[in-house]
């Protein structure tokens, strides 16, 4: 299965990454390649930044997003983590930041095995098991 990261920018959305209400993510990029792939939603809040794993899901639908983010990705199989999974101190986090241009690239495929394993392991800390 392919894995993609979406960085949750609260601009244009009415909630921070720690309060994601549904298994949805938004992007300004087209997302056709994300269908049937796992989406990981990560975001930072506070100063200095604390980065959280907000949610993960298998994308089963693409639709129209918001005026800021034109593409909406949705799924039914996944998990919302709230404020329970902080990832900023994980050993793989710097690799993730670098591979996403410090989250500036927007929707990005994750191909580094260490990062994918780290995200899967982080999900387990909230009692969610990622099914391959």
N, C-alpha and C. Protein backbone atom coordinates (compact mmCIF):
# COMPACT_ATOMS: atom_id res chain seq x y z
N UNK A 1 0.84 -1.17 0.00
CA UNK A 1 0.00 0.00 0.00
C UNK A 1 0.89 1.24 0.00
N UNK A 2 0.45 2.26 -0.73
CA UNK A 2 1.17 3.53 -0.73
C UNK A 2 0.75 4.36 0.48
N UNK A 3 1.64 5.26 0.91
CA UNK A 3 1.41 6.12 2.07
C UNK A 3 1.63 7.56 1.66
N UNK A 4 0.73 8.44 2.10
CA UNK A 4 0.83 9.87 1.80
C UNK A 4 0.69 10.68 3.07
N UNK A 5 1.38 11.80 3.10
CA UNK A 5 1.28 12.72 4.23
C UNK A 5 0.55 13.98 3.79
N UNK A 6 -0.38 14.41 4.63
CA UNK A 6 -1.03 15.70 4.47
C UNK A 6 -0.71 16.50 5.71
N UNK A 7 -0.16 17.70 5.52
CA UNK A 7 0.09 18.57 6.67
C UNK A 7 -1.16 19.39 6.91
N UNK A 8 -1.64 19.37 8.13
CA UNK A 8 -2.87 20.07 8.51
C UNK A 8 -2.56 21.52 8.85
N UNK A 9 -2.87 22.41 7.91
CA UNK A 9 -2.77 23.85 8.18
C UNK A 9 -4.14 24.32 8.64
N UNK A 10 -4.26 24.89 9.82
CA UNK A 10 -5.58 25.30 10.27
C UNK A 10 -6.17 26.46 9.46
N UNK A 11 -5.33 27.17 8.69
CA UNK A 11 -5.86 28.24 7.84
C UNK A 11 -6.83 27.63 6.83
N UNK A 12 -8.03 28.14 6.82
CA UNK A 12 -9.03 27.62 5.89
C UNK A 12 -9.84 26.47 6.47
N UNK A 13 -9.47 25.99 7.66
CA UNK A 13 -10.21 24.92 8.33
C UNK A 13 -10.57 25.42 9.73
N UNK A 14 -11.72 25.04 10.25
CA UNK A 14 -12.16 25.61 11.53
C UNK A 14 -11.65 24.88 12.78
N UNK A 15 -10.62 24.06 12.65
CA UNK A 15 -10.15 23.30 13.80
C UNK A 15 -8.67 22.98 13.67
N UNK A 16 -7.97 22.85 14.82
CA UNK A 16 -6.56 22.45 14.79
C UNK A 16 -6.42 20.94 14.58
N UNK A 17 -5.20 20.50 14.36
CA UNK A 17 -4.93 19.08 14.11
C UNK A 17 -5.37 18.19 15.27
N UNK A 18 -5.38 18.73 16.47
CA UNK A 18 -5.76 17.94 17.66
C UNK A 18 -7.27 17.82 17.81
N UNK A 19 -8.04 18.44 16.91
CA UNK A 19 -9.50 18.37 17.00
C UNK A 19 -10.14 17.97 15.68
N UNK A 20 -9.44 17.18 14.90
CA UNK A 20 -9.98 16.71 13.62
C UNK A 20 -11.25 15.90 13.92
N UNK A 21 -12.39 16.27 13.28
CA UNK A 21 -13.64 15.59 13.63
C UNK A 21 -13.98 14.35 12.80
N UNK A 22 -13.42 14.23 11.60
CA UNK A 22 -13.80 13.14 10.70
C UNK A 22 -12.57 12.61 9.97
N UNK A 23 -12.73 11.49 9.30
CA UNK A 23 -11.64 10.90 8.54
C UNK A 23 -11.56 11.55 7.16
N UNK A 24 -11.18 12.81 7.18
CA UNK A 24 -11.03 13.61 5.97
C UNK A 24 -9.71 14.36 6.04
N UNK A 25 -9.20 14.73 4.89
CA UNK A 25 -8.03 15.59 4.79
C UNK A 25 -8.20 16.45 3.55
N UNK A 26 -7.52 17.58 3.53
CA UNK A 26 -7.69 18.54 2.46
C UNK A 26 -6.34 18.90 1.86
N UNK A 27 -6.34 19.16 0.54
CA UNK A 27 -5.11 19.53 -0.14
C UNK A 27 -5.43 20.50 -1.28
N UNK A 28 -4.47 21.34 -1.58
CA UNK A 28 -4.61 22.20 -2.75
C UNK A 28 -4.12 21.49 -4.01
N UNK A 29 -3.57 20.30 -3.84
CA UNK A 29 -3.07 19.52 -4.98
C UNK A 29 -4.11 18.50 -5.44
N UNK A 30 -4.08 18.11 -6.71
CA UNK A 30 -4.90 16.97 -7.15
C UNK A 30 -4.45 15.72 -6.40
N UNK A 31 -5.36 14.80 -6.16
CA UNK A 31 -5.02 13.66 -5.30
C UNK A 31 -5.47 12.32 -5.87
N UNK A 32 -5.57 12.18 -7.17
CA UNK A 32 -6.05 10.92 -7.74
C UNK A 32 -5.22 9.72 -7.31
N UNK A 33 -3.90 9.90 -7.14
CA UNK A 33 -3.03 8.79 -6.77
C UNK A 33 -3.23 8.35 -5.32
N UNK A 34 -3.99 9.11 -4.55
CA UNK A 34 -4.20 8.80 -3.13
C UNK A 34 -5.34 7.78 -2.93
N UNK A 35 -6.18 7.61 -3.92
CA UNK A 35 -7.27 6.63 -3.77
C UNK A 35 -6.71 5.26 -3.44
N UNK A 36 -7.28 4.64 -2.42
CA UNK A 36 -6.89 3.32 -1.91
C UNK A 36 -5.51 3.30 -1.26
N UNK A 37 -4.97 4.45 -0.94
CA UNK A 37 -3.70 4.56 -0.23
C UNK A 37 -3.97 5.04 1.20
N UNK A 38 -2.99 4.86 2.07
CA UNK A 38 -3.11 5.34 3.45
C UNK A 38 -2.68 6.80 3.51
N UNK A 39 -3.50 7.61 4.15
CA UNK A 39 -3.23 9.03 4.35
C UNK A 39 -2.91 9.24 5.83
N UNK A 40 -1.84 9.95 6.10
CA UNK A 40 -1.45 10.34 7.45
C UNK A 40 -1.57 11.85 7.56
N UNK A 41 -2.32 12.32 8.53
CA UNK A 41 -2.50 13.76 8.73
C UNK A 41 -1.69 14.19 9.94
N UNK A 42 -0.77 15.11 9.72
CA UNK A 42 0.15 15.60 10.75
C UNK A 42 0.00 17.11 10.81
N UNK A 43 0.15 17.67 11.99
CA UNK A 43 0.10 19.12 12.11
C UNK A 43 0.85 19.60 13.34
N UNK A 44 1.19 20.86 13.32
CA UNK A 44 1.90 21.47 14.44
C UNK A 44 1.09 22.60 15.04
N UNK A 45 1.14 22.70 16.36
CA UNK A 45 0.50 23.82 17.05
C UNK A 45 1.44 24.30 18.15
N UNK A 46 1.12 25.43 18.68
CA UNK A 46 1.88 26.03 19.78
C UNK A 46 3.22 26.56 19.30
N UNK A 47 3.89 27.30 20.15
CA UNK A 47 5.24 27.80 19.90
C UNK A 47 6.07 27.52 21.14
N UNK A 48 7.19 26.83 21.10
CA UNK A 48 7.70 26.18 19.88
C UNK A 48 6.74 25.08 19.42
N UNK A 49 6.82 24.78 18.14
CA UNK A 49 5.91 23.82 17.53
C UNK A 49 5.95 22.45 18.20
N UNK A 50 4.78 21.94 18.49
CA UNK A 50 4.60 20.56 18.91
C UNK A 50 3.83 19.89 17.79
N UNK A 51 4.40 18.83 17.24
CA UNK A 51 3.78 18.16 16.09
C UNK A 51 3.03 16.92 16.54
N UNK A 52 1.82 16.79 16.01
CA UNK A 52 0.92 15.70 16.39
C UNK A 52 0.56 14.87 15.16
N UNK A 53 0.30 13.59 15.41
CA UNK A 53 -0.35 12.74 14.43
C UNK A 53 -1.84 12.94 14.66
N UNK A 54 -2.51 13.56 13.70
CA UNK A 54 -3.93 13.90 13.87
C UNK A 54 -4.87 12.78 13.52
N UNK A 55 -4.60 12.12 12.39
CA UNK A 55 -5.46 11.01 11.96
C UNK A 55 -4.74 10.21 10.89
N UNK A 56 -5.31 9.06 10.61
CA UNK A 56 -4.88 8.26 9.47
C UNK A 56 -6.10 7.52 8.95
N UNK A 57 -6.10 7.30 7.64
CA UNK A 57 -7.22 6.56 7.04
C UNK A 57 -6.81 6.08 5.65
N UNK A 58 -7.56 5.10 5.16
CA UNK A 58 -7.40 4.66 3.78
C UNK A 58 -8.38 5.48 2.95
N UNK A 59 -7.86 6.21 1.98
CA UNK A 59 -8.69 7.09 1.17
C UNK A 59 -9.57 6.28 0.21
N UNK A 60 -10.86 6.46 0.34
CA UNK A 60 -11.81 5.76 -0.54
C UNK A 60 -12.63 6.71 -1.40
N UNK A 61 -12.56 8.02 -1.10
CA UNK A 61 -13.34 9.00 -1.85
C UNK A 61 -12.54 10.29 -2.03
N UNK A 62 -12.70 10.89 -3.18
CA UNK A 62 -12.18 12.24 -3.44
C UNK A 62 -13.36 13.14 -3.75
N UNK A 63 -13.28 14.36 -3.25
CA UNK A 63 -14.37 15.29 -3.51
C UNK A 63 -13.87 16.72 -3.51
N UNK A 64 -14.81 17.64 -3.56
CA UNK A 64 -14.50 19.05 -3.54
C UNK A 64 -14.23 19.47 -2.11
N UNK A 65 -13.15 20.19 -1.91
CA UNK A 65 -12.75 20.62 -0.58
C UNK A 65 -13.30 21.99 -0.22
N UNK A 66 -12.43 22.83 0.30
CA UNK A 66 -12.79 24.18 0.74
C UNK A 66 -12.27 25.18 -0.28
N UNK A 67 -12.61 26.46 -0.14
CA UNK A 67 -12.02 27.44 -1.06
C UNK A 67 -10.49 27.49 -1.00
N UNK A 68 -9.91 27.22 0.17
CA UNK A 68 -8.46 27.22 0.33
C UNK A 68 -7.84 25.94 -0.19
N UNK A 69 -8.49 24.81 0.08
CA UNK A 69 -7.98 23.48 -0.30
C UNK A 69 -9.02 22.80 -1.18
N UNK A 70 -8.77 22.77 -2.47
CA UNK A 70 -9.78 22.33 -3.42
C UNK A 70 -10.10 20.85 -3.43
N UNK A 71 -9.24 20.02 -2.84
CA UNK A 71 -9.46 18.58 -2.87
C UNK A 71 -9.71 18.05 -1.47
N UNK A 72 -10.76 17.25 -1.34
CA UNK A 72 -11.08 16.59 -0.07
C UNK A 72 -10.86 15.09 -0.27
N UNK A 73 -10.08 14.50 0.63
CA UNK A 73 -9.85 13.06 0.65
C UNK A 73 -10.58 12.49 1.86
N UNK A 74 -11.32 11.41 1.68
CA UNK A 74 -12.09 10.83 2.78
C UNK A 74 -11.90 9.32 2.82
N UNK A 75 -12.15 8.77 4.00
CA UNK A 75 -12.07 7.32 4.16
C UNK A 75 -13.01 6.85 5.25
N UNK A 76 -13.16 5.55 5.35
CA UNK A 76 -14.00 4.97 6.40
C UNK A 76 -13.18 4.14 7.38
N UNK A 77 -12.06 3.59 6.93
CA UNK A 77 -11.21 2.78 7.81
C UNK A 77 -10.05 3.66 8.25
N UNK A 78 -10.01 3.95 9.54
CA UNK A 78 -8.94 4.79 10.04
C UNK A 78 -9.13 5.13 11.50
N UNK A 79 -8.44 6.19 11.94
CA UNK A 79 -8.44 6.55 13.36
C UNK A 79 -8.13 8.03 13.52
N UNK A 80 -8.79 8.65 14.49
CA UNK A 80 -8.52 10.04 14.86
C UNK A 80 -7.81 10.01 16.20
N UNK A 81 -6.66 10.69 16.29
CA UNK A 81 -5.81 10.59 17.48
C UNK A 81 -6.00 11.72 18.49
N UNK A 82 -6.63 12.82 18.11
CA UNK A 82 -6.77 13.94 19.03
C UNK A 82 -5.40 14.50 19.40
N UNK A 83 -5.18 14.71 20.68
CA UNK A 83 -3.88 15.25 21.13
C UNK A 83 -3.02 14.18 21.81
N UNK A 84 -3.28 12.92 21.51
CA UNK A 84 -2.63 11.83 22.23
C UNK A 84 -1.30 11.35 21.64
N UNK A 85 -1.01 11.68 20.38
CA UNK A 85 0.20 11.15 19.74
C UNK A 85 1.08 12.30 19.27
N UNK A 86 2.07 12.63 20.09
CA UNK A 86 3.05 13.67 19.76
C UNK A 86 4.23 12.98 19.07
N UNK A 87 4.62 13.50 17.90
CA UNK A 87 5.65 12.82 17.11
C UNK A 87 6.94 13.60 16.97
N UNK A 88 6.99 14.81 17.49
CA UNK A 88 8.14 15.68 17.25
C UNK A 88 9.46 15.11 17.78
N UNK A 89 9.42 14.28 18.80
CA UNK A 89 10.66 13.75 19.38
C UNK A 89 11.01 12.34 18.88
N UNK A 90 10.23 11.84 17.94
CA UNK A 90 10.51 10.51 17.39
C UNK A 90 11.77 10.56 16.54
N UNK A 91 12.57 9.48 16.54
CA UNK A 91 13.84 9.49 15.80
C UNK A 91 13.67 9.66 14.28
N UNK A 92 12.54 9.31 13.74
CA UNK A 92 12.28 9.40 12.30
C UNK A 92 11.66 10.75 11.89
N UNK A 93 11.31 11.57 12.86
CA UNK A 93 10.58 12.81 12.56
C UNK A 93 11.38 13.76 11.67
N UNK A 94 12.67 13.91 11.92
CA UNK A 94 13.49 14.81 11.10
C UNK A 94 13.57 14.33 9.65
N UNK A 95 13.57 13.02 9.45
CA UNK A 95 13.56 12.46 8.08
C UNK A 95 12.25 12.85 7.39
N UNK A 96 11.15 12.74 8.12
CA UNK A 96 9.84 13.12 7.58
C UNK A 96 9.82 14.60 7.21
N UNK A 97 10.29 15.44 8.12
CA UNK A 97 10.31 16.89 7.84
C UNK A 97 11.13 17.20 6.59
N UNK A 98 12.31 16.61 6.50
CA UNK A 98 13.18 16.88 5.36
C UNK A 98 12.55 16.40 4.06
N UNK A 99 11.94 15.21 4.07
CA UNK A 99 11.38 14.65 2.84
C UNK A 99 10.12 15.39 2.38
N UNK A 100 9.54 16.20 3.25
CA UNK A 100 8.35 16.97 2.89
C UNK A 100 8.64 18.47 2.78
N UNK A 101 9.93 18.82 2.75
CA UNK A 101 10.31 20.22 2.68
C UNK A 101 9.83 21.01 3.88
N UNK A 102 10.00 20.40 5.05
CA UNK A 102 9.50 21.00 6.30
C UNK A 102 8.00 21.24 6.19
N UNK A 103 7.30 20.30 5.56
CA UNK A 103 5.85 20.28 5.37
C UNK A 103 5.36 21.31 4.35
N UNK A 104 6.28 21.92 3.60
CA UNK A 104 5.89 22.93 2.62
C UNK A 104 5.40 22.33 1.30
N UNK A 105 5.70 21.06 1.04
CA UNK A 105 5.33 20.45 -0.24
C UNK A 105 3.86 20.09 -0.31
N UNK A 106 3.14 20.16 0.80
CA UNK A 106 1.73 19.76 0.80
C UNK A 106 1.60 18.24 0.74
N UNK A 107 0.61 17.77 0.02
CA UNK A 107 0.38 16.34 -0.11
C UNK A 107 1.63 15.69 -0.70
N UNK A 108 2.21 14.73 0.05
CA UNK A 108 3.48 14.13 -0.34
C UNK A 108 3.45 12.63 -0.11
N UNK A 109 3.91 11.86 -1.08
CA UNK A 109 4.02 10.42 -0.86
C UNK A 109 5.20 10.15 0.07
N UNK A 110 4.98 9.26 1.02
CA UNK A 110 6.03 8.83 1.95
C UNK A 110 6.56 7.50 1.44
N UNK A 111 7.86 7.45 1.17
CA UNK A 111 8.45 6.22 0.65
C UNK A 111 9.53 5.67 1.58
N UNK A 112 9.96 6.44 2.55
CA UNK A 112 11.00 6.00 3.47
C UNK A 112 10.43 4.97 4.45
N UNK A 113 10.98 3.77 4.43
CA UNK A 113 10.49 2.69 5.28
C UNK A 113 10.57 3.00 6.76
N UNK A 114 11.60 3.71 7.18
CA UNK A 114 11.74 4.06 8.60
C UNK A 114 10.61 5.00 9.03
N UNK A 115 10.25 5.94 8.18
CA UNK A 115 9.18 6.88 8.50
C UNK A 115 7.84 6.15 8.54
N UNK A 116 7.58 5.30 7.57
CA UNK A 116 6.31 4.55 7.55
C UNK A 116 6.21 3.68 8.80
N UNK A 117 7.27 2.96 9.14
CA UNK A 117 7.26 2.14 10.35
C UNK A 117 7.04 3.02 11.59
N UNK A 118 7.67 4.19 11.61
CA UNK A 118 7.50 5.10 12.74
C UNK A 118 6.06 5.57 12.89
N UNK A 119 5.41 5.90 11.78
CA UNK A 119 4.02 6.32 11.84
C UNK A 119 3.11 5.17 12.29
N UNK A 120 3.36 3.98 11.76
CA UNK A 120 2.58 2.79 12.18
C UNK A 120 2.76 2.55 13.67
N UNK A 121 3.99 2.62 14.15
CA UNK A 121 4.26 2.41 15.58
C UNK A 121 3.62 3.51 16.43
N UNK A 122 3.65 4.76 15.94
CA UNK A 122 3.02 5.86 16.67
C UNK A 122 1.52 5.62 16.79
N UNK A 123 0.90 5.12 15.74
CA UNK A 123 -0.53 4.82 15.78
C UNK A 123 -0.85 3.77 16.84
N UNK A 124 0.05 2.80 17.00
CA UNK A 124 -0.15 1.75 18.01
C UNK A 124 -0.18 2.31 19.42
N UNK A 125 0.50 3.43 19.67
CA UNK A 125 0.51 3.99 21.01
C UNK A 125 -0.88 4.47 21.42
N UNK A 126 -1.77 4.63 20.47
CA UNK A 126 -3.17 5.01 20.76
C UNK A 126 -4.09 3.81 20.52
N UNK A 127 -3.52 2.61 20.59
CA UNK A 127 -4.27 1.36 20.41
C UNK A 127 -4.92 1.23 19.04
N UNK A 128 -4.30 1.81 18.02
CA UNK A 128 -4.79 1.62 16.66
C UNK A 128 -3.76 0.83 15.89
N UNK A 129 -4.19 -0.27 15.29
CA UNK A 129 -3.30 -1.12 14.52
C UNK A 129 -3.57 -0.87 13.03
N UNK A 130 -2.54 -0.45 12.33
CA UNK A 130 -2.65 -0.20 10.89
C UNK A 130 -2.62 -1.52 10.17
N UNK A 131 -3.66 -1.77 9.37
CA UNK A 131 -3.74 -3.00 8.58
C UNK A 131 -3.13 -2.70 7.22
N UNK A 132 -2.12 -3.50 6.81
CA UNK A 132 -1.46 -3.22 5.52
C UNK A 132 -2.39 -3.40 4.34
